[in-house]
């Protein structure tokens, strides 16, 4: 408990999006245990955007943009699964909150529940993908509830401003200069800056310079809601490099956002152009969009992790002197993925297989886990020009070189040498034979290499063939992810999700090799997971097909390359699987900016580094040393590390720009969310630190010998405070 002190103790939370407000909620939850009513605590909440949603989830954005999660899969509240030291304070998920609003048991302040949002709430189901504007209202309400929970335990002061500079203040605190002209002092600062942008990489600077000289349009990696695409004119040819969620959102804004309409046409969707759309030419390394969200339900045995569980993860961490994700963990996850997929196929759809699950499972379990990574219909995926692992998303040169199976989206494990390597490759061949002999239809056969690179090795005569190939792939993906007879894909999803939860047990381990930290954990793994599990809703892919059939969208295929044509004054692009090239007067790099604190466009973060108050992490071991682009924080409490490597006195940081494990701003209910665990840990660290500051001030305020001439100093000490 904090002792009474003559002046308040203050905490500044810089960034009031979901993470910052999530920490505020945890401060409120822990006040009763850690803070004394006799001391005053002030929390400054600082953000140029409204507290709760912050910038990314702000209310003021296109109503066409949606969450990538269903309404039943979003919550901001701890629950009975949360392993935290502070108290659990339950609350409604997004779907439960919407039901409360619909019934009138939850009241919203202000007038932002317009006709469109009211209609959305009235029609919302657990499987609906809500708009970002609706999520903004949920986050605003969560913020208001957190303020109510604070009550009289502390004072929260909100500042609708941006922090421009943070410096040391006399007495050991921090002085924060705001762009409003105001200055405030805080004893502790928590930086919760969310996704920050970055100054352009050399390639992006070169492309921007070319576009400026030739009066073209270029959009470097950016946040979709912030992108200004107004200069793109109707009919203009636009290259889009990247096929993830950012690309899907951009396509929505450039088509439906310009007045186009999607209408039902039997069991398909047809696009009715407005005439304001550009001509979109899109490609990527894979050449296809992320896999659709799954709409089926399980038919077979209940999913249970078998090969990679939290216990297995913790045992690996305890037994190994060092950890390498590609060799130690990835094969177990791959094995778990195939196990989850085929268990659902065999137990849920026995009419689609030739043998029983027990027979398949017995043979599968005998194989080396690395065989699950390599087994493919075309033979073990263990060699080739790209054998070193995942490639980038496409550079700015020509395609060149021999055609391979396509750049991997994942790394290869160490296969060993001699007899060991031969044994692993033989097991991969055995697994392929097992799958092909026991699974009746080709569409039901899952091989991870071809699943990762669906266009790998394909050769097309022209772009017309590419269009048909990508459309066929998207239609096949929709069938696999939405039809009840293909619920095995849901088994795959659950296997990958439980593997992710197991992985969180050891993700913060100091035993990871430096190379694995950079290339795997902060490299290909998140993108690979997103490709499988974080794709767009099915209706977005149905709309993509309609746009392709309407001639608004053209596919350029996989291994996309882009180059500048100085003579023609255009951008030029192509792919590895066909000989044609295309030209355009606009280029969009459809992805988020890469995380790099050294190149950050966030002024306060950049000044922290320049002043030595903060430190960019360097992944380092005996064999490897490279900057990660992430801010170094102390694992146990997320205190910022000084350039000396020691923790700073007054600064903490959370978010994707730090080297703490990446966690989302919100989570699925009842999953013991890592983000909520981190919020609670940081909130308690801040309160405990604030208690120590209050105690120091209380001690300093006590009378000391010589302060008074007519009374003995110990008489004052003996009096109750």
Foldseek 3Di string as FASTA:
>chain_A
DFDAFPDAAEEEEAFQELLSLLLLLLLLQCLVPQPDLNGAYEYEYEALADHQHGDQLGLPFDQVAWDLAFQQWFDSFADPQAPAPTDGDDDDGRLVVLVCVLVVVDDADDDSCDPVNVVCSVPGDRRDTHGSNSVNRVRNVSSVVSVVSNPSSYHYHYHNWHFQAWDADPPQWIWTQTPVRDIDTHRFYAYAPFDFFFDDDPQLVVVVVLCVVLVFAEAEFANQRPDDPVVDWFAFEEEEQDAFPLVLSNVCCQFVVVPKDWDDDDPFIAIDGPRGHYFYEYAWQLLAHFFAAFAADFQFDDDDFDQFALVQLVVCLVPDLFDFCQAPPVLSLLLLLVLLLVRRLQGRPVVQWDDHPVVLVVLSVVADSLLSQQADPVAGPQDDPQLQAADHTAEADDLDDDAFQTGFLGHHHDQDDDPSNVRNRVSNVVNNVSQPRIGRDPLSRDRPRCVRRVCGPAADADQVVVLVVRLVVLVSSLCLRYPHSNCSLVSSQVSNVSNVLSCVSCVPPPRYALCSVQPPQVHSPVVSNCSSHSHHHSVSSSVVNNCVVVSSYGGQRHNKHWHADPVVSWIKIHHDRYDDIDTGSYYYHRHHHDQALCRTPRNHSNVCVVVQVWDFDWRDDPPDTDGRRAIEADAQAQFGAGNVRHGDLHYGYDYPRHPHRHFDSTGGPPSNGPSSNNSSRNSVVVSNSSSVVSNVSVVVPQDDPPPDDPDGSVVSVPDDD
